[in-house]
Structures are given as structure tokens and as C-alpha cells.
N, C-alpha and C. Protein backbone atom coordinates (compact mmCIF):
# COMPACT_ATOMS: atom_id res chain seq x y z
N MET A 1 -77.18 11.47 -95.22
CA MET A 1 -78.32 11.22 -94.26
C MET A 1 -78.56 9.81 -94.35
N ALA A 2 -78.67 9.24 -93.08
CA ALA A 2 -78.99 7.64 -93.16
C ALA A 2 -80.32 7.51 -92.30
N LYS A 3 -81.33 6.60 -92.67
CA LYS A 3 -82.47 6.17 -92.17
C LYS A 3 -82.04 5.04 -91.49
N ILE A 4 -82.43 5.11 -90.17
CA ILE A 4 -82.38 3.88 -89.09
C ILE A 4 -83.60 3.55 -88.63
N THR A 5 -83.92 2.30 -88.41
CA THR A 5 -85.21 1.86 -87.72
C THR A 5 -84.62 1.02 -86.59
N TYR A 6 -85.03 1.35 -85.42
CA TYR A 6 -85.14 0.70 -84.19
C TYR A 6 -86.20 -0.09 -83.95
N ILE A 7 -86.23 -1.36 -83.43
CA ILE A 7 -87.45 -2.26 -83.15
C ILE A 7 -87.04 -2.60 -81.72
N THR A 8 -88.12 -2.26 -80.74
CA THR A 8 -87.98 -2.26 -79.28
C THR A 8 -88.49 -3.86 -78.99
N LYS A 9 -88.23 -4.07 -77.73
CA LYS A 9 -88.55 -5.43 -77.19
C LYS A 9 -90.10 -5.63 -77.55
N ALA A 10 -90.88 -4.50 -77.37
CA ALA A 10 -92.41 -4.32 -77.15
C ALA A 10 -92.92 -4.53 -78.72
N GLY A 11 -91.86 -4.37 -79.74
CA GLY A 11 -92.15 -4.61 -81.18
C GLY A 11 -92.39 -3.30 -81.76
N GLU A 12 -92.53 -2.18 -81.08
CA GLU A 12 -92.62 -0.75 -81.59
C GLU A 12 -91.41 -0.34 -82.74
N GLU A 13 -91.81 0.06 -83.75
CA GLU A 13 -90.69 0.47 -84.76
C GLU A 13 -90.53 1.81 -84.78
N ILE A 14 -89.23 2.35 -84.57
CA ILE A 14 -89.12 3.83 -84.54
C ILE A 14 -88.20 4.27 -85.62
N GLN A 15 -88.65 4.88 -86.47
CA GLN A 15 -87.64 5.29 -87.76
C GLN A 15 -87.28 6.72 -87.49
N LEU A 16 -85.85 6.83 -87.48
CA LEU A 16 -85.36 8.16 -87.42
C LEU A 16 -84.24 8.37 -88.55
N GLU A 17 -83.84 9.56 -88.73
CA GLU A 17 -82.77 9.98 -89.72
C GLU A 17 -81.62 10.71 -89.23
N ALA A 18 -80.42 10.80 -89.61
CA ALA A 18 -79.38 11.45 -89.27
C ALA A 18 -78.18 11.40 -89.95
N SER A 19 -77.44 12.32 -89.76
CA SER A 19 -76.12 12.20 -90.67
C SER A 19 -74.71 12.07 -89.81
N THR A 20 -74.91 12.38 -88.50
CA THR A 20 -73.69 12.41 -87.53
C THR A 20 -73.91 11.82 -86.32
N GLY A 21 -72.98 11.39 -85.50
CA GLY A 21 -73.16 10.82 -84.21
C GLY A 21 -73.19 9.36 -84.29
N SER A 22 -73.52 8.45 -83.28
CA SER A 22 -73.61 7.07 -83.35
C SER A 22 -75.15 6.66 -83.26
N LEU A 23 -75.30 5.32 -83.40
CA LEU A 23 -76.70 4.81 -83.21
C LEU A 23 -77.26 5.14 -81.80
N MET A 24 -76.22 4.89 -81.07
CA MET A 24 -76.82 5.16 -79.63
C MET A 24 -77.06 6.57 -79.14
N GLU A 25 -76.40 7.48 -79.71
CA GLU A 25 -76.47 9.00 -79.30
C GLU A 25 -78.06 9.37 -79.99
N LEU A 26 -78.41 8.63 -81.25
CA LEU A 26 -79.60 9.09 -81.83
C LEU A 26 -80.77 8.42 -81.04
N ALA A 27 -80.61 7.11 -80.63
CA ALA A 27 -81.69 6.55 -79.80
C ALA A 27 -81.81 7.22 -78.43
N VAL A 28 -80.88 7.63 -77.79
CA VAL A 28 -80.92 8.26 -76.52
C VAL A 28 -81.78 9.73 -76.77
N LYS A 29 -81.18 10.29 -77.80
CA LYS A 29 -81.84 11.61 -78.08
C LYS A 29 -83.30 11.58 -78.21
N HIS A 30 -83.94 10.43 -78.99
CA HIS A 30 -85.25 10.23 -79.04
C HIS A 30 -85.79 9.17 -78.09
N LYS A 31 -85.31 9.07 -77.02
CA LYS A 31 -85.81 8.23 -76.01
C LYS A 31 -86.37 6.66 -76.49
N VAL A 32 -85.38 6.01 -77.29
CA VAL A 32 -85.80 4.54 -77.68
C VAL A 32 -85.73 3.85 -76.58
N THR A 33 -86.91 3.06 -76.04
CA THR A 33 -86.98 2.09 -75.13
C THR A 33 -85.96 0.95 -75.18
N GLY A 34 -85.25 0.95 -74.14
CA GLY A 34 -84.33 -0.21 -74.21
C GLY A 34 -82.86 0.20 -74.38
N ILE A 35 -82.58 1.33 -74.82
CA ILE A 35 -81.32 1.95 -75.11
C ILE A 35 -81.03 2.97 -74.24
N ASP A 36 -80.34 2.60 -73.32
CA ASP A 36 -79.90 3.91 -72.13
C ASP A 36 -78.78 4.59 -72.34
N GLY A 37 -77.66 4.01 -72.91
CA GLY A 37 -76.33 4.57 -72.95
C GLY A 37 -75.98 5.16 -71.81
N ASP A 38 -75.89 4.31 -70.76
CA ASP A 38 -75.40 4.90 -69.17
C ASP A 38 -74.14 5.41 -69.21
N CYS A 39 -72.91 4.97 -70.13
CA CYS A 39 -71.76 5.45 -69.94
C CYS A 39 -71.44 6.46 -71.11
N GLY A 40 -72.52 7.13 -71.78
CA GLY A 40 -72.17 8.11 -72.54
C GLY A 40 -71.50 7.76 -73.99
N GLY A 41 -71.28 6.43 -74.31
CA GLY A 41 -70.94 5.99 -75.60
C GLY A 41 -69.57 5.69 -75.32
N VAL A 42 -68.97 5.40 -74.42
CA VAL A 42 -67.36 4.98 -74.32
C VAL A 42 -67.16 3.57 -74.33
N CYS A 43 -68.19 2.66 -74.60
CA CYS A 43 -68.34 1.28 -74.76
C CYS A 43 -67.64 0.76 -73.28
N SER A 44 -68.58 1.14 -72.17
CA SER A 44 -68.02 0.59 -70.80
C SER A 44 -69.25 0.05 -70.03
N CYS A 45 -70.41 0.01 -70.74
CA CYS A 45 -71.71 -0.51 -70.04
C CYS A 45 -72.51 -1.45 -70.54
N ALA A 46 -72.77 -1.67 -71.93
CA ALA A 46 -73.55 -2.51 -72.76
C ALA A 46 -74.96 -2.16 -72.65
N THR A 47 -75.45 -1.05 -72.29
CA THR A 47 -76.86 -0.54 -72.03
C THR A 47 -77.34 -0.08 -73.43
N CYS A 48 -76.49 -0.29 -74.48
CA CYS A 48 -77.08 -0.10 -75.65
C CYS A 48 -77.02 -1.25 -76.83
N HIS A 49 -77.14 -2.41 -76.23
CA HIS A 49 -77.00 -3.69 -77.07
C HIS A 49 -78.04 -3.81 -77.81
N VAL A 50 -77.82 -3.93 -79.30
CA VAL A 50 -78.68 -4.31 -80.27
C VAL A 50 -78.38 -5.47 -81.14
N HIS A 51 -79.33 -6.06 -81.89
CA HIS A 51 -79.05 -6.90 -82.83
C HIS A 51 -79.17 -6.44 -84.19
N VAL A 52 -78.13 -6.38 -84.95
CA VAL A 52 -78.02 -5.76 -86.37
C VAL A 52 -78.59 -6.93 -87.47
N ALA A 53 -79.28 -6.31 -88.31
CA ALA A 53 -79.72 -7.30 -89.48
C ALA A 53 -78.40 -7.78 -90.14
N PRO A 54 -78.57 -8.92 -90.50
CA PRO A 54 -77.16 -9.64 -90.97
C PRO A 54 -76.65 -8.82 -92.52
N ALA A 55 -77.44 -8.55 -93.10
CA ALA A 55 -77.01 -7.84 -94.43
C ALA A 55 -76.18 -6.62 -94.05
N ILE A 56 -76.53 -5.89 -93.20
CA ILE A 56 -75.83 -4.55 -92.76
C ILE A 56 -74.65 -5.01 -91.81
N TYR A 57 -74.74 -6.01 -91.00
CA TYR A 57 -73.76 -6.56 -89.95
C TYR A 57 -72.47 -6.54 -90.67
N GLN A 58 -72.61 -7.20 -91.90
CA GLN A 58 -71.41 -7.70 -92.63
C GLN A 58 -70.73 -6.23 -93.34
N LYS A 59 -71.54 -5.25 -93.36
CA LYS A 59 -70.89 -3.97 -93.92
C LYS A 59 -70.13 -3.04 -92.91
N LEU A 60 -70.28 -3.37 -91.54
CA LEU A 60 -69.92 -2.72 -90.34
C LEU A 60 -68.37 -3.10 -90.05
N GLU A 61 -67.67 -2.29 -89.65
CA GLU A 61 -66.26 -2.62 -89.04
C GLU A 61 -66.49 -3.64 -88.02
N ALA A 62 -65.52 -4.63 -87.82
CA ALA A 62 -65.65 -5.52 -86.86
C ALA A 62 -65.57 -5.17 -85.32
N PRO A 63 -66.21 -5.50 -84.60
CA PRO A 63 -66.29 -4.94 -83.09
C PRO A 63 -64.75 -5.12 -82.59
N THR A 64 -64.28 -4.02 -81.60
CA THR A 64 -63.27 -4.19 -81.10
C THR A 64 -63.16 -5.21 -79.99
N GLU A 65 -61.87 -5.54 -79.52
CA GLU A 65 -61.93 -6.35 -78.31
C GLU A 65 -62.66 -5.92 -77.31
N ILE A 66 -62.68 -4.81 -76.78
CA ILE A 66 -63.24 -3.98 -75.82
C ILE A 66 -64.85 -4.19 -75.82
N GLU A 67 -65.25 -4.02 -77.10
CA GLU A 67 -66.77 -4.21 -77.41
C GLU A 67 -67.27 -5.72 -77.27
N SER A 68 -66.19 -6.50 -77.88
CA SER A 68 -66.69 -8.02 -77.52
C SER A 68 -66.66 -8.52 -76.28
N ASP A 69 -65.73 -7.88 -75.35
CA ASP A 69 -65.70 -8.14 -73.87
C ASP A 69 -66.91 -7.71 -73.31
N MET A 70 -67.19 -6.47 -73.77
CA MET A 70 -68.53 -6.10 -72.96
C MET A 70 -69.84 -6.79 -73.25
N LEU A 71 -69.88 -7.33 -74.34
CA LEU A 71 -71.00 -8.20 -74.93
C LEU A 71 -71.02 -9.54 -74.36
N GLU A 72 -69.81 -9.99 -73.79
CA GLU A 72 -69.90 -11.28 -73.11
C GLU A 72 -70.60 -11.17 -71.87
N PHE A 73 -70.72 -10.10 -71.23
CA PHE A 73 -71.49 -10.06 -69.85
C PHE A 73 -72.95 -9.49 -69.96
N ASP A 74 -73.33 -9.56 -71.11
CA ASP A 74 -74.94 -8.99 -71.65
C ASP A 74 -75.57 -10.37 -71.79
N ASP A 75 -76.86 -10.13 -71.50
CA ASP A 75 -77.94 -11.21 -71.81
C ASP A 75 -78.15 -11.06 -73.36
N ASN A 76 -78.86 -12.14 -73.84
CA ASN A 76 -79.42 -12.03 -75.30
C ASN A 76 -78.42 -11.72 -76.35
N VAL A 77 -77.18 -12.26 -76.17
CA VAL A 77 -76.12 -11.91 -77.20
C VAL A 77 -76.21 -13.24 -78.21
N ASN A 78 -76.12 -12.68 -79.64
CA ASN A 78 -76.02 -13.43 -80.82
C ASN A 78 -75.12 -13.13 -81.74
N GLU A 79 -74.93 -13.79 -82.62
CA GLU A 79 -73.84 -13.53 -83.68
C GLU A 79 -73.91 -12.17 -84.22
N TYR A 80 -75.08 -11.54 -84.26
CA TYR A 80 -75.11 -10.12 -84.81
C TYR A 80 -75.27 -9.09 -83.70
N SER A 81 -74.92 -9.21 -82.43
CA SER A 81 -75.04 -8.44 -81.38
C SER A 81 -73.75 -7.45 -81.66
N ARG A 82 -74.24 -6.14 -81.44
CA ARG A 82 -73.36 -5.07 -81.26
C ARG A 82 -73.61 -3.95 -80.31
N LEU A 83 -72.71 -3.25 -79.76
CA LEU A 83 -73.24 -2.00 -79.03
C LEU A 83 -73.17 -0.79 -80.08
N CYS A 84 -74.57 -0.15 -80.09
CA CYS A 84 -74.75 0.86 -80.83
C CYS A 84 -73.95 2.02 -80.74
N CYS A 85 -73.39 2.04 -79.55
CA CYS A 85 -72.45 3.28 -79.49
C CYS A 85 -71.23 3.06 -80.27
N GLN A 86 -70.96 1.98 -80.61
CA GLN A 86 -69.81 1.68 -81.56
C GLN A 86 -70.06 1.76 -83.02
N ILE A 87 -71.46 1.96 -83.34
CA ILE A 87 -71.72 2.25 -84.76
C ILE A 87 -71.91 3.53 -85.24
N PRO A 88 -71.06 4.17 -85.86
CA PRO A 88 -71.11 5.48 -86.41
C PRO A 88 -72.29 5.76 -87.54
N ILE A 89 -72.94 6.85 -87.56
CA ILE A 89 -73.79 7.11 -88.55
C ILE A 89 -73.21 7.56 -89.78
N SER A 90 -73.51 6.84 -90.79
CA SER A 90 -72.89 7.24 -92.26
C SER A 90 -73.93 6.79 -93.28
N GLU A 91 -73.41 7.08 -94.40
CA GLU A 91 -74.36 6.53 -95.65
C GLU A 91 -74.30 5.02 -95.60
N THR A 92 -73.31 4.50 -95.11
CA THR A 92 -72.83 3.01 -95.31
C THR A 92 -74.11 2.16 -94.54
N ILE A 93 -74.62 2.81 -93.44
CA ILE A 93 -75.48 2.10 -92.80
C ILE A 93 -76.98 2.47 -93.20
N ASP A 94 -77.16 3.32 -94.11
CA ASP A 94 -78.61 3.69 -94.53
C ASP A 94 -79.35 2.74 -94.70
N GLY A 95 -80.56 2.64 -94.03
CA GLY A 95 -81.58 1.55 -94.24
C GLY A 95 -81.29 0.51 -93.12
N ILE A 96 -80.41 0.76 -91.95
CA ILE A 96 -80.33 -0.29 -90.97
C ILE A 96 -81.42 -0.43 -90.08
N THR A 97 -81.68 -1.71 -89.84
CA THR A 97 -82.60 -1.98 -89.02
C THR A 97 -82.17 -2.65 -87.62
N VAL A 98 -82.01 -2.21 -86.52
CA VAL A 98 -81.69 -2.75 -85.22
C VAL A 98 -82.71 -3.20 -84.36
N ASN A 99 -82.64 -4.26 -83.72
CA ASN A 99 -83.57 -4.82 -82.73
C ASN A 99 -82.90 -4.52 -81.42
N VAL A 100 -83.59 -3.79 -80.56
CA VAL A 100 -82.90 -3.66 -79.24
C VAL A 100 -83.17 -4.99 -78.40
N ALA A 101 -81.92 -5.29 -77.91
CA ALA A 101 -81.61 -6.41 -77.23
C ALA A 101 -82.40 -6.55 -75.84
N ASN A 102 -82.37 -5.41 -75.13
CA ASN A 102 -82.61 -5.46 -73.87
C ASN A 102 -84.01 -4.41 -73.40
């Protein structure tokens, strides 16, 4: 089980727990403002852009070329930007905090 904290653009903190799926799926299920997941999680829309805390970012697998390409077209990109559809829920990310970028 992993604990995940989403911080919306309005500053609302939403703490959730899950053991399967992706960060995007969890956010959409719980209607986290700013994470739409329009493409359903296939890395083709960038409507699930988040900024990952630096300490956890280093634990994640590197973004694929497709993910990096999608992020190039999104606003608010920084060195810790990820598409949360590409971050699977696992014990590795337990305690992760992500800031919703849009």
C-alpha cells in the first residue's frame, strides 16, 4: 500500500492510498482537480502533468521518450515534471507528494 499526496493549484492537499494502478488512475477516480487523464493513461495528452518531489523523482524510472515529447508541449514544465499516468503505484513511491501542474 502506498500513500500519495496530491497538491492542487489551489493548494488543496488530497491524501489517498492505493496498491495498484497509476497515479493518474487514482487521481481521476477521486476527482483530483487538474488531473483529467483525457487519454485514459496511454501517454498521449499530458492532462495528468505533475511535479514530483525531488527525493522521490530520483527513485522513479526515467521518463520514456514519448513521455518527454508530450511534456515538451505542456506549460509549467520543470526538471521534476512527469505525466502521472506513467507512474505506477508501488511501495517504491510510498509517501510521494505531487503538485498538480495545470
